[in-house]
Protein backbone atom coordinates (compact mmCIF):
# COMPACT_ATOMS: atom_id res chain seq x y z
CA MET A 1 2.31 12.97 6.71
CA ALA A 2 -1.48 12.81 6.53
CA GLU A 3 -3.68 13.91 9.17
CA PRO A 4 -5.84 11.40 11.22
CA ASP A 5 -9.08 12.93 9.24
CA ALA A 6 -7.43 12.27 5.97
CA GLN A 7 -10.46 10.06 4.73
CA LEU A 8 -12.95 13.02 5.34
CA ALA A 9 -10.47 16.17 4.02
CA PRO A 10 -9.54 16.71 0.61
CA ARG A 11 -6.09 15.27 -0.27
CA VAL A 12 -3.28 17.14 -1.62
CA LEU A 13 0.07 16.21 -2.59
CA ILE A 14 2.77 18.80 -2.49
CA ALA A 15 5.88 17.73 -4.58
CA VAL A 16 8.15 20.61 -4.49
CA GLY A 17 11.97 20.98 -4.23
CA ASP A 18 11.91 24.23 -2.10
CA PRO A 19 11.93 23.44 1.45
CA LEU A 20 10.37 26.88 2.53
CA LEU A 21 7.86 26.77 -0.16
CA ARG A 22 7.13 23.17 0.69
CA ARG A 23 6.66 23.95 4.47
CA VAL A 24 4.48 27.17 3.71
CA ALA A 25 2.05 25.44 1.49
CA SER A 26 1.99 22.35 3.89
CA THR A 27 1.00 24.15 7.08
CA GLY A 28 -1.26 26.57 5.11
CA LEU A 29 -3.17 23.94 3.35
CA ARG A 30 -3.74 22.05 6.62
CA ASP A 31 -4.81 25.02 8.61
CA ARG A 32 -7.56 25.41 5.81
CA GLY A 33 -8.96 22.11 6.19
CA PHE A 34 -6.98 20.10 3.70
CA SER A 35 -5.17 16.66 4.40
CA VAL A 36 -1.53 17.11 3.12
CA SER A 37 1.35 14.84 2.19
CA ALA A 38 4.51 16.77 1.02
CA THR A 39 7.77 15.44 -0.51
CA ASN A 40 11.01 16.81 -2.86
CA GLU A 41 11.88 13.18 -3.68
CA GLU A 42 10.56 12.23 -7.14
CA SER A 43 10.36 8.52 -6.32
CA ALA A 44 8.35 9.19 -3.32
CA ALA A 45 5.96 11.45 -5.26
CA ILE A 46 4.91 8.87 -7.48
CA VAL A 47 4.12 6.24 -4.91
CA LEU A 48 2.40 8.93 -2.83
CA ALA A 49 0.24 9.63 -6.01
CA ARG A 50 -0.91 6.19 -5.67
CA SER A 51 -0.87 5.26 -2.06
CA PHE A 52 -2.22 8.91 -0.87
CA THR A 53 -4.56 8.97 -3.37
CA PRO A 54 -5.06 12.93 -3.48
CA ASP A 55 -7.44 15.10 -5.15
CA VAL A 56 -5.19 17.53 -6.14
CA ILE A 57 -1.39 17.50 -6.93
CA LEU A 58 0.74 20.51 -6.58
CA VAL A 59 4.22 19.86 -8.65
CA ASP A 60 7.16 21.69 -9.11
CA LEU A 61 7.55 21.89 -12.82
CA LEU A 62 11.34 22.03 -12.40
CA LEU A 63 11.80 18.83 -11.01
CA HIS A 64 12.85 15.90 -12.96
CA GLY A 65 11.07 12.59 -12.98
CA PRO A 66 12.50 9.38 -11.89
CA GLY A 67 12.84 7.88 -15.55
CA GLY A 68 13.95 11.18 -17.30
CA GLY A 69 11.51 13.97 -18.51
CA THR A 70 9.77 15.85 -15.72
CA LEU A 71 7.89 14.84 -12.54
CA PHE A 72 4.79 16.54 -13.69
CA ASP A 73 4.82 14.28 -16.80
CA ALA A 74 5.06 11.38 -14.43
CA LEU A 75 2.50 12.45 -12.27
CA ARG A 76 0.31 13.40 -15.06
CA ALA A 77 0.57 10.06 -16.47
CA SER A 78 -0.07 7.95 -13.27
CA ALA A 79 -2.50 9.91 -11.27
CA ASP A 80 -6.09 10.56 -12.26
CA CYS A 81 -6.72 13.76 -10.26
CA TYR A 82 -6.02 17.47 -10.69
CA VAL A 83 -2.70 18.53 -11.21
CA VAL A 84 -1.20 22.05 -10.60
CA GLY A 85 1.92 23.15 -11.90
CA LEU A 86 4.07 25.61 -9.97
CA ALA A 87 7.00 27.48 -11.43
CA PRO A 88 8.90 30.79 -10.46
CA PRO A 89 8.10 33.82 -12.81
CA ASP A 90 10.87 33.32 -15.08
CA ALA A 91 9.65 29.98 -16.09
CA GLU A 92 6.68 30.88 -18.38
CA ASP A 93 7.61 28.36 -21.11
CA SER A 94 7.34 25.55 -18.41
CA ARG A 95 3.78 26.84 -17.09
CA ILE A 96 2.56 26.95 -20.92
CA ARG A 97 4.04 23.61 -21.70
CA ALA A 98 2.36 21.90 -18.74
CA LEU A 99 -1.03 23.68 -19.41
CA ARG A 100 -0.68 22.16 -23.09
CA ALA A 101 0.18 18.85 -21.86
CA GLY A 102 -2.79 18.39 -19.58
CA ALA A 103 -2.38 20.45 -16.23
CA ASP A 104 -5.33 21.53 -14.74
CA ASP A 105 -3.87 24.91 -13.93
CA ALA A 106 -0.43 26.54 -13.63
CA VAL A 107 0.51 29.53 -11.43
CA SER A 108 3.69 31.73 -10.86
CA LEU A 109 5.50 31.72 -7.46
CA PRO A 110 5.43 33.10 -4.91
CA ILE A 111 1.87 32.31 -4.09
CA SER A 112 0.27 32.43 -0.64
CA ALA A 113 -1.58 29.78 1.01
CA ASP A 114 -4.86 31.54 0.80
CA GLU A 115 -4.55 31.49 -3.08
CA LEU A 116 -3.42 27.94 -3.05
CA ALA A 117 -6.46 26.69 -1.01
CA ALA A 118 -8.62 28.82 -3.20
CA ARG A 119 -7.54 27.22 -6.40
CA CYS A 120 -7.47 23.62 -4.77
CA GLN A 121 -11.19 24.28 -4.02
CA ALA A 122 -11.80 25.76 -7.31
CA LEU A 123 -10.70 22.59 -8.91
CA LEU A 124 -12.36 20.51 -6.67
CA ARG A 125 -15.95 22.08 -8.13
CA ARG A 126 -14.94 21.59 -11.53
CA PRO A 127 -15.83 18.28 -13.46
CA ARG A 128 -12.96 16.35 -14.67
CA GLN A 129 -12.93 15.31 -18.20
CA LEU A 130 -12.52 11.44 -17.73
CA HIS A 131 -16.25 10.87 -17.83
CA ALA A 132 -16.14 12.41 -21.27
CA ARG A 133 -13.92 9.57 -22.42
CA TRP A 134 -15.52 7.00 -20.35
CA ASP A 135 -19.41 6.72 -19.78
CA PRO A 136 -19.98 3.60 -17.58
CA MET A 137 -23.82 4.39 -17.97
CA ALA A 138 -24.14 4.02 -21.61
CA ALA A 139 -25.09 0.30 -21.31
CA SER A 140 -27.81 -1.17 -18.82
CA MET A 141 -25.08 -3.59 -17.38
CA VAL A 142 -21.74 -1.85 -16.15
CA ARG A 143 -18.47 -2.96 -14.72
CA ILE A 144 -16.12 -0.47 -12.68
CA GLY A 145 -13.43 -2.66 -11.34
CA PRO A 146 -14.70 -5.71 -9.08
CA LEU A 147 -18.27 -4.04 -9.17
CA GLN A 148 -21.19 -4.74 -11.33
CA ILE A 149 -24.09 -2.65 -11.72
CA ASP A 150 -27.41 -3.83 -13.24
CA LEU A 151 -29.23 -0.62 -14.09
CA GLY A 152 -32.10 -2.35 -15.45
CA ARG A 153 -32.78 -4.49 -12.34
CA LYS A 154 -31.40 -2.00 -9.71
CA GLU A 155 -28.89 -4.51 -8.45
CA LEU A 156 -25.07 -4.22 -7.25
CA ARG A 157 -22.81 -7.07 -7.07
CA VAL A 158 -19.12 -7.10 -5.89
CA ARG A 159 -16.83 -10.04 -7.01
CA ASN A 160 -19.79 -11.86 -8.06
CA HIS A 161 -21.48 -11.30 -4.57
CA ASP A 162 -24.90 -9.63 -4.38
CA VAL A 163 -24.80 -6.34 -2.42
CA PRO A 164 -28.42 -5.70 -0.74
CA VAL A 165 -29.05 -2.26 -1.40
CA THR A 166 -31.99 0.02 -0.53
CA ARG A 167 -33.89 1.98 -3.65
CA ILE A 168 -32.14 5.18 -2.18
CA GLU A 169 -28.82 3.73 -1.68
CA PHE A 170 -28.89 2.42 -5.46
CA ALA A 171 -30.10 5.79 -6.83
CA LEU A 172 -27.05 7.78 -4.92
CA PHE A 173 -24.60 5.41 -6.33
CA GLU A 174 -26.00 5.66 -9.72
CA GLN A 175 -25.41 9.36 -9.49
CA LEU A 176 -21.69 9.15 -8.73
CA CYS A 177 -21.27 6.55 -11.50
CA ARG A 178 -23.12 8.89 -14.11
CA ARG A 179 -20.23 11.42 -13.12
CA PRO A 180 -17.34 9.13 -12.52
CA SER A 181 -14.42 11.39 -11.87
CA GLU A 182 -16.68 14.45 -10.55
CA VAL A 183 -17.54 15.27 -7.00
CA CYS A 184 -21.21 15.29 -6.68
CA SER A 185 -22.52 17.91 -4.04
CA ARG A 186 -24.83 16.96 -1.41
CA VAL A 187 -27.32 19.44 -2.82
CA HIS A 188 -26.70 17.89 -6.29
CA LEU A 189 -27.83 14.34 -4.79
CA LEU A 190 -30.72 15.66 -2.90
CA GLU A 191 -32.19 17.15 -5.75
CA GLN A 192 -31.52 13.96 -7.92
CA VAL A 193 -32.86 11.34 -5.70
CA TRP A 194 -35.18 13.04 -3.34
CA GLY A 195 -36.49 15.78 -5.84
CA PRO A 196 -36.17 19.87 -6.17
CA ASN A 197 -38.52 20.20 -3.30
CA TRP A 198 -36.83 18.45 -0.74
CA VAL A 199 -36.66 20.01 2.77
CA GLY A 200 -34.78 18.71 5.29
CA ASP A 201 -31.21 18.11 6.75
CA THR A 202 -28.40 17.43 3.98
CA HIS A 203 -26.94 14.99 6.40
CA VAL A 204 -29.11 12.30 5.29
CA VAL A 205 -26.98 11.85 1.97
CA ASP A 206 -23.96 10.92 4.48
CA VAL A 207 -26.10 8.46 6.21
CA HIS A 208 -27.22 6.36 3.37
CA LEU A 209 -23.74 6.43 1.53
CA SER A 210 -22.20 5.37 4.85
CA ASN A 211 -24.41 2.17 5.01
CA LEU A 212 -23.66 1.54 1.16
CA ARG A 213 -20.02 2.02 1.97
CA ARG A 214 -20.15 -0.57 4.57
CA LYS A 215 -22.16 -2.93 2.22
CA LEU A 216 -19.97 -2.79 -0.68
CA GLN A 217 -16.79 -3.29 1.36
CA GLN A 218 -17.99 -6.52 3.00
CA ASN A 219 -16.61 -8.33 -0.36
CA ALA A 220 -13.60 -6.37 -0.92
CA PRO A 221 -12.46 -4.77 2.25
CA GLU A 222 -9.24 -3.51 0.87
CA LEU A 223 -11.19 -1.14 -1.52
CA ARG A 224 -12.57 2.20 -0.95
CA PHE A 225 -15.56 2.85 -3.15
CA ILE A 226 -16.63 6.11 -2.17
CA HIS A 227 -14.60 9.17 -1.45
CA THR A 228 -15.94 11.88 0.66
CA VAL A 229 -14.74 15.38 -0.21
CA ARG A 230 -15.11 17.32 3.15
CA GLY A 231 -17.46 20.36 2.59
CA ILE A 232 -18.39 19.53 -0.79
CA GLY A 233 -19.60 16.31 -1.48
CA PHE A 234 -18.95 12.49 -2.73
CA ARG A 235 -17.43 10.82 -5.80
CA LEU A 236 -16.11 7.50 -6.88
CA SER A 237 -12.75 6.58 -5.03
CA ASN A 238 -9.56 6.30 -6.74
CA ASP A 239 -9.15 2.91 -5.74
CA LEU A 240 -12.44 1.95 -7.75
CA LEU A 241 -11.09 4.03 -10.92
CA ARG A 242 -7.80 2.53 -10.64
CA ALA A 243 -9.33 -1.09 -10.51
CA GLU A 244 -11.17 -0.37 -13.42
CA ARG A 245 -8.37 1.00 -15.27
CA ASP A 246 -6.51 -2.02 -14.48
CA ARG A 247 -9.08 -4.54 -15.29
CA ARG A 248 -9.36 -2.98 -18.77
CA GLU A 249 -5.52 -3.00 -19.09
CA ASP A 250 -5.76 -6.89 -18.42
CA ASP A 251 -8.73 -7.30 -20.92
CA ALA A 252 -6.63 -5.60 -23.67
CA LEU A 253 -3.43 -7.83 -22.91
CA SER A 254 -5.77 -10.90 -23.05
CA ALA A 255 -7.16 -9.75 -26.18
CA SER A 256 -3.84 -9.26 -27.70
CA ALA A 257 -2.22 -12.50 -26.34
């Protein structure tokens, strides 16, 4: 079960069969500031990968997926987040296969909670590669799910409704969109929007993005647009990236009909 502050804490989904490892990893990561959801059920892991919207998934490489194959394969295909494979020392082939199949990391068990937390934090500082395949800022008019961004006019629309944003709010959101699957640190956002000589509290970023969140959600209250990764920064939410992926799939189906 997720903690009450799950919206602020980095989210980790643990999908492992060993109850001791599951308990130690869950407790250790929670004690180190992560929001954790854990399961040993393959079907539950698939559901949580969507509903819990984790930033990192720790998955037992020896678990089978609900439709055949491994659970790692199913999660890697369905979740747009960092995936770390876990396997015992004698399962080197499984770790190598996972790395070749797109795992962001693969570790040998046993592993301490301190090392797990450190590996998760290291991944959250690393840019994901989605933006290398999808560059939403290559055009002057950009769509991301229900969101329309006019870079020339500095305007935002959600479901064809204008969103009244300030210059700073637009500039901050533009930075997040330029790195759609990467966490933008507060320092990076301050340097890009206020300039390298800014002197002041980094909390100013939180204030402006909080106001922007409220405005964006007025016309799509069921969507989270911006995800806070506590202690690191901000990124576009999985909700928004998933909505964009669904929109592209619908467009492809319509084009082939």
